Amino acid sequence: MTESRLEPAHVVSESEGTRRTRGLQVRVALQEVHQEFLCARDVAMWLGLPYETVRCWQKQPGAFPPSYKFGRKNYWRRTELEAWAESKRTPREPWPPPGVDSRRRPVSHGGRP
């Protein structure tokens, strides 16, 4: 009895060019997913915070948007993070506040006025 090596059907039936095209399609699909979902390190870089802060917030209920678990990693949807960050935004007060004269007298350093 001769031993035959079995290969997946897509490898046997496809030409080399088709395999390259499928590999490119997979890479493009992964890039699209990576643009939509961010891992904890990407979130930390995006927010300008330490990685440990993101991990700590993740463990506190209600402190951070819920994550999606793919394999061993947690991911966040970019749109949900943007909405969460916008909800944390504090309104800025106009400067100078109304009723305060913005023209200040120059300050002298070290001598009499």
N, C-alpha and C. Protein backbone atom coordinates (compact mmCIF):
# COMPACT_ATOMS: atom_id res chain seq x y z
N MET A 1 0.84 -1.17 0.00
CA MET A 1 0.00 0.00 0.00
C MET A 1 0.89 1.24 0.00
N THR A 2 0.66 2.11 -0.95
CA THR A 2 1.46 3.32 -1.02
C THR A 2 0.82 4.42 -0.19
N GLU A 3 1.66 5.19 0.42
CA GLU A 3 1.18 6.27 1.28
C GLU A 3 1.07 7.54 0.45
N SER A 4 -0.09 8.14 0.42
CA SER A 4 -0.27 9.38 -0.33
C SER A 4 -0.39 10.54 0.66
N ARG A 5 0.16 11.64 0.27
CA ARG A 5 0.11 12.83 1.11
C ARG A 5 -1.14 13.62 0.75
N LEU A 6 -1.99 13.86 1.74
CA LEU A 6 -3.22 14.60 1.51
C LEU A 6 -2.97 16.08 1.78
N GLU A 7 -3.44 16.89 0.87
CA GLU A 7 -3.33 18.34 1.04
C GLU A 7 -4.73 18.93 1.06
N PRO A 8 -4.89 20.08 1.70
CA PRO A 8 -6.21 20.71 1.68
C PRO A 8 -6.66 20.97 0.25
N ALA A 9 -7.96 20.88 0.03
CA ALA A 9 -8.51 21.01 -1.31
C ALA A 9 -8.19 22.36 -1.94
N HIS A 10 -8.17 23.42 -1.15
CA HIS A 10 -7.92 24.73 -1.74
C HIS A 10 -6.50 24.86 -2.26
N VAL A 11 -5.57 24.09 -1.71
CA VAL A 11 -4.19 24.15 -2.19
C VAL A 11 -4.06 23.36 -3.49
N VAL A 12 -4.72 22.24 -3.58
CA VAL A 12 -4.62 21.39 -4.76
C VAL A 12 -5.32 22.03 -5.95
N SER A 13 -6.48 22.63 -5.72
CA SER A 13 -7.28 23.11 -6.84
C SER A 13 -6.93 24.53 -7.29
N GLU A 14 -6.20 25.28 -6.49
CA GLU A 14 -5.92 26.66 -6.85
C GLU A 14 -4.56 26.81 -7.52
N SER A 15 -4.48 27.79 -8.36
CA SER A 15 -3.20 28.10 -8.98
C SER A 15 -2.41 28.99 -8.03
N GLU A 16 -1.14 29.18 -8.33
CA GLU A 16 -0.28 30.01 -7.48
C GLU A 16 -0.79 31.45 -7.40
N GLY A 17 -1.25 32.00 -8.49
CA GLY A 17 -1.77 33.37 -8.50
C GLY A 17 -3.01 33.53 -7.64
N THR A 18 -3.87 32.53 -7.66
CA THR A 18 -5.08 32.59 -6.85
C THR A 18 -4.74 32.54 -5.37
N ARG A 19 -3.74 31.71 -5.01
CA ARG A 19 -3.32 31.65 -3.60
C ARG A 19 -2.76 32.98 -3.14
N ARG A 20 -2.00 33.64 -3.99
CA ARG A 20 -1.46 34.95 -3.61
C ARG A 20 -2.58 35.96 -3.43
N THR A 21 -3.57 35.91 -4.32
CA THR A 21 -4.70 36.83 -4.21
C THR A 21 -5.47 36.59 -2.93
N ARG A 22 -5.70 35.33 -2.59
CA ARG A 22 -6.43 35.02 -1.36
C ARG A 22 -5.62 35.48 -0.14
N GLY A 23 -4.30 35.30 -0.16
CA GLY A 23 -3.46 35.76 0.95
C GLY A 23 -3.55 37.27 1.11
N LEU A 24 -3.59 37.99 -0.02
CA LEU A 24 -3.72 39.44 0.03
C LEU A 24 -5.09 39.84 0.59
N GLN A 25 -6.14 39.11 0.16
CA GLN A 25 -7.47 39.39 0.68
C GLN A 25 -7.54 39.18 2.18
N VAL A 26 -6.89 38.15 2.67
CA VAL A 26 -6.88 37.87 4.11
C VAL A 26 -6.15 38.99 4.84
N ARG A 27 -5.01 39.44 4.30
CA ARG A 27 -4.26 40.52 4.95
C ARG A 27 -5.06 41.82 4.98
N VAL A 28 -5.76 42.12 3.88
CA VAL A 28 -6.57 43.33 3.84
C VAL A 28 -7.71 43.23 4.85
N ALA A 29 -8.34 42.06 4.94
CA ALA A 29 -9.42 41.86 5.91
C ALA A 29 -8.91 42.03 7.33
N LEU A 30 -7.72 41.51 7.63
CA LEU A 30 -7.14 41.66 8.96
C LEU A 30 -6.82 43.12 9.26
N GLN A 31 -6.36 43.86 8.27
CA GLN A 31 -6.08 45.28 8.48
C GLN A 31 -7.37 46.04 8.79
N GLU A 32 -8.46 45.68 8.10
CA GLU A 32 -9.74 46.33 8.37
C GLU A 32 -10.21 46.03 9.78
N VAL A 33 -10.04 44.77 10.22
CA VAL A 33 -10.41 44.40 11.59
C VAL A 33 -9.53 45.16 12.58
N HIS A 34 -8.24 45.27 12.27
CA HIS A 34 -7.32 45.97 13.18
C HIS A 34 -7.66 47.45 13.26
N GLN A 35 -8.19 48.02 12.20
CA GLN A 35 -8.60 49.42 12.24
C GLN A 35 -9.87 49.59 13.06
N GLU A 36 -10.72 48.57 13.09
CA GLU A 36 -11.98 48.66 13.83
C GLU A 36 -11.78 48.30 15.30
N PHE A 37 -10.91 47.36 15.61
CA PHE A 37 -10.67 46.91 16.97
C PHE A 37 -9.26 47.26 17.41
N LEU A 38 -9.12 47.64 18.68
CA LEU A 38 -7.81 47.97 19.24
C LEU A 38 -7.54 47.08 20.45
N CYS A 39 -6.30 46.59 20.56
CA CYS A 39 -5.92 45.82 21.74
C CYS A 39 -5.55 46.80 22.86
N ALA A 40 -5.27 46.29 24.04
CA ALA A 40 -5.00 47.15 25.21
C ALA A 40 -3.81 48.06 24.98
N ARG A 41 -2.77 47.56 24.34
CA ARG A 41 -1.58 48.41 24.09
C ARG A 41 -1.91 49.53 23.11
N ASP A 42 -2.69 49.22 22.08
CA ASP A 42 -3.10 50.25 21.12
C ASP A 42 -3.99 51.30 21.79
N VAL A 43 -4.88 50.84 22.67
CA VAL A 43 -5.76 51.77 23.39
C VAL A 43 -4.92 52.70 24.27
N ALA A 44 -3.94 52.12 24.96
CA ALA A 44 -3.07 52.93 25.82
C ALA A 44 -2.32 53.98 25.01
N MET A 45 -1.81 53.60 23.85
CA MET A 45 -1.10 54.56 23.00
C MET A 45 -2.06 55.62 22.49
N TRP A 46 -3.27 55.23 22.10
CA TRP A 46 -4.26 56.16 21.57
C TRP A 46 -4.66 57.18 22.62
N LEU A 47 -4.81 56.72 23.88
CA LEU A 47 -5.20 57.62 24.97
C LEU A 47 -4.02 58.37 25.57
N GLY A 48 -2.80 57.91 25.30
CA GLY A 48 -1.62 58.53 25.89
C GLY A 48 -1.47 58.18 27.36
N LEU A 49 -1.88 56.97 27.72
CA LEU A 49 -1.82 56.50 29.10
C LEU A 49 -0.95 55.26 29.19
N PRO A 50 -0.47 54.95 30.40
CA PRO A 50 0.28 53.69 30.56
C PRO A 50 -0.63 52.48 30.31
N TYR A 51 -0.03 51.42 29.83
CA TYR A 51 -0.74 50.16 29.57
C TYR A 51 -1.42 49.66 30.84
N GLU A 52 -0.74 49.78 31.98
CA GLU A 52 -1.27 49.29 33.25
C GLU A 52 -2.57 50.02 33.63
N THR A 53 -2.68 51.29 33.28
CA THR A 53 -3.90 52.05 33.58
C THR A 53 -5.08 51.48 32.81
N VAL A 54 -4.87 51.17 31.54
CA VAL A 54 -5.94 50.59 30.72
C VAL A 54 -6.36 49.25 31.30
N ARG A 55 -5.39 48.42 31.69
CA ARG A 55 -5.70 47.11 32.26
C ARG A 55 -6.47 47.26 33.58
N CYS A 56 -6.10 48.25 34.39
CA CYS A 56 -6.78 48.48 35.66
C CYS A 56 -8.21 48.95 35.42
N TRP A 57 -8.41 49.88 34.49
CA TRP A 57 -9.75 50.36 34.17
C TRP A 57 -10.62 49.24 33.63
N GLN A 58 -10.00 48.34 32.88
CA GLN A 58 -10.74 47.23 32.27
C GLN A 58 -11.34 46.35 33.36
N LYS A 59 -10.66 46.20 34.47
CA LYS A 59 -11.12 45.32 35.54
C LYS A 59 -12.17 45.97 36.43
N GLN A 60 -12.31 47.30 36.37
CA GLN A 60 -13.29 48.01 37.19
C GLN A 60 -14.61 48.11 36.41
N PRO A 61 -15.68 47.57 36.97
CA PRO A 61 -16.96 47.62 36.24
C PRO A 61 -17.44 49.06 36.03
N GLY A 62 -17.79 49.38 34.80
CA GLY A 62 -18.33 50.68 34.47
C GLY A 62 -17.30 51.78 34.26
N ALA A 63 -16.03 51.49 34.50
CA ALA A 63 -15.00 52.52 34.34
C ALA A 63 -14.53 52.65 32.89
N PHE A 64 -14.78 51.65 32.08
CA PHE A 64 -14.25 51.59 30.73
C PHE A 64 -15.24 50.85 29.86
N PRO A 65 -15.27 51.09 28.57
CA PRO A 65 -16.20 50.34 27.70
C PRO A 65 -15.91 48.84 27.77
N PRO A 66 -16.94 48.00 27.60
CA PRO A 66 -16.71 46.56 27.62
C PRO A 66 -15.85 46.12 26.45
N SER A 67 -15.07 45.07 26.68
CA SER A 67 -14.16 44.58 25.65
C SER A 67 -14.71 43.31 25.01
N TYR A 68 -14.11 42.96 23.88
CA TYR A 68 -14.41 41.72 23.18
C TYR A 68 -13.19 40.83 23.35
N LYS A 69 -13.40 39.57 23.66
CA LYS A 69 -12.29 38.66 23.85
C LYS A 69 -12.16 37.77 22.62
N PHE A 70 -11.04 37.89 21.93
CA PHE A 70 -10.71 37.03 20.79
C PHE A 70 -9.46 36.26 21.16
N GLY A 71 -9.60 34.98 21.37
CA GLY A 71 -8.44 34.20 21.81
C GLY A 71 -8.08 34.58 23.23
N ARG A 72 -6.82 34.99 23.43
CA ARG A 72 -6.37 35.35 24.77
C ARG A 72 -6.35 36.86 25.00
N LYS A 73 -6.66 37.64 23.97
CA LYS A 73 -6.57 39.10 24.09
C LYS A 73 -7.94 39.75 24.14
N ASN A 74 -7.98 40.91 24.77
CA ASN A 74 -9.18 41.74 24.79
C ASN A 74 -9.02 42.85 23.77
N TYR A 75 -10.12 43.14 23.08
CA TYR A 75 -10.12 44.18 22.07
C TYR A 75 -11.30 45.10 22.32
N TRP A 76 -11.15 46.35 21.91
CA TRP A 76 -12.21 47.34 22.01
C TRP A 76 -12.53 47.88 20.63
N ARG A 77 -13.80 48.11 20.38
CA ARG A 77 -14.22 48.70 19.12
C ARG A 77 -13.86 50.18 19.15
N ARG A 78 -13.20 50.65 18.11
CA ARG A 78 -12.72 52.03 18.05
C ARG A 78 -13.87 53.04 18.24
N THR A 79 -15.01 52.78 17.62
CA THR A 79 -16.13 53.71 17.72
C THR A 79 -16.65 53.81 19.15
N GLU A 80 -16.66 52.69 19.88
CA GLU A 80 -17.10 52.71 21.27
C GLU A 80 -16.12 53.49 22.15
N LEU A 81 -14.82 53.35 21.87
CA LEU A 81 -13.82 54.11 22.63
C LEU A 81 -13.95 55.60 22.35
N GLU A 82 -14.19 55.96 21.10
CA GLU A 82 -14.34 57.38 20.76
C GLU A 82 -15.57 57.97 21.46
N ALA A 83 -16.67 57.20 21.51
CA ALA A 83 -17.88 57.68 22.19
C ALA A 83 -17.63 57.81 23.69
N TRP A 84 -16.91 56.85 24.27
CA TRP A 84 -16.58 56.90 25.70
C TRP A 84 -15.70 58.11 26.00
N ALA A 85 -14.69 58.34 25.17
CA ALA A 85 -13.78 59.47 25.39
C ALA A 85 -14.55 60.79 25.27
N GLU A 86 -15.47 60.87 24.32
CA GLU A 86 -16.26 62.09 24.16
C GLU A 86 -17.15 62.33 25.38
N SER A 87 -17.65 61.24 25.98
CA SER A 87 -18.50 61.39 27.17
C SER A 87 -17.69 61.87 28.38
N LYS A 88 -16.39 61.65 28.38
CA LYS A 88 -15.52 62.09 29.47
C LYS A 88 -15.02 63.52 29.29
N ARG A 89 -15.33 64.10 28.18
CA ARG A 89 -14.84 65.45 27.87
C ARG A 89 -15.52 66.48 28.77
N THR A 90 -14.73 67.40 29.29
CA THR A 90 -15.28 68.47 30.12
C THR A 90 -15.32 69.74 29.29
N PRO A 91 -16.40 70.51 29.42
CA PRO A 91 -16.48 71.75 28.63
C PRO A 91 -15.45 72.76 29.12
N ARG A 92 -14.88 73.48 28.20
CA ARG A 92 -13.87 74.49 28.54
C ARG A 92 -14.54 75.82 28.81
N GLU A 93 -14.07 76.48 29.84
CA GLU A 93 -14.57 77.82 30.18
C GLU A 93 -13.85 78.83 29.29
N PRO A 94 -14.55 79.85 28.84
CA PRO A 94 -13.88 80.87 28.04
C PRO A 94 -12.88 81.64 28.91
N TRP A 95 -11.77 82.03 28.33
CA TRP A 95 -10.76 82.78 29.07
C TRP A 95 -10.52 84.10 28.38
N PRO A 96 -10.51 85.16 29.00
CA PRO A 96 -10.79 85.37 30.43
C PRO A 96 -12.27 85.24 30.70
N PRO A 97 -12.63 84.92 31.94
CA PRO A 97 -14.05 84.80 32.29
C PRO A 97 -14.78 86.12 32.06
N PRO A 98 -16.05 86.08 31.78
CA PRO A 98 -16.81 87.32 31.55
C PRO A 98 -16.73 88.23 32.77
N GLY A 99 -16.56 89.51 32.53
CA GLY A 99 -16.50 90.49 33.61
C GLY A 99 -15.10 90.75 34.14
N VAL A 100 -14.08 90.03 33.66
CA VAL A 100 -12.71 90.24 34.10
C VAL A 100 -11.97 90.97 33.00
N ASP A 101 -11.26 92.01 33.38
CA ASP A 101 -10.50 92.79 32.41
C ASP A 101 -9.27 91.98 31.99
N SER A 102 -9.15 91.73 30.70
CA SER A 102 -8.02 90.93 30.22
C SER A 102 -6.74 91.73 30.10
N ARG A 103 -6.85 93.06 30.16
CA ARG A 103 -5.64 93.88 30.08
C ARG A 103 -5.06 94.03 31.48
N ARG A 104 -3.96 93.40 31.70
CA ARG A 104 -3.35 93.43 33.03
C ARG A 104 -2.17 94.39 33.04
N ARG A 105 -1.94 94.94 34.20
CA ARG A 105 -0.77 95.82 34.34
C ARG A 105 0.49 94.96 34.30
N PRO A 106 1.53 95.44 33.68
CA PRO A 106 2.77 94.66 33.66
C PRO A 106 3.33 94.52 35.06
N VAL A 107 3.91 93.38 35.32
CA VAL A 107 4.49 93.10 36.62
C VAL A 107 5.96 93.50 36.59
N SER A 108 6.36 94.30 37.58
CA SER A 108 7.78 94.65 37.66
C SER A 108 8.49 93.64 38.54
N HIS A 109 9.68 93.30 38.16
CA HIS A 109 10.44 92.31 38.92
C HIS A 109 11.58 92.97 39.67
N GLY A 110 11.49 92.95 40.99
CA GLY A 110 12.60 93.36 41.81
C GLY A 110 12.69 94.84 42.14
N GLY A 111 11.90 95.70 41.62
CA GLY A 111 11.99 97.12 41.93
C GLY A 111 10.68 97.68 42.36
N ARG A 112 10.69 98.96 42.61
CA ARG A 112 9.43 99.60 42.99
C ARG A 112 8.60 99.83 41.74
N PRO A 113 7.28 99.84 41.91
CA PRO A 113 6.44 100.10 40.73
C PRO A 113 6.49 101.50 40.23
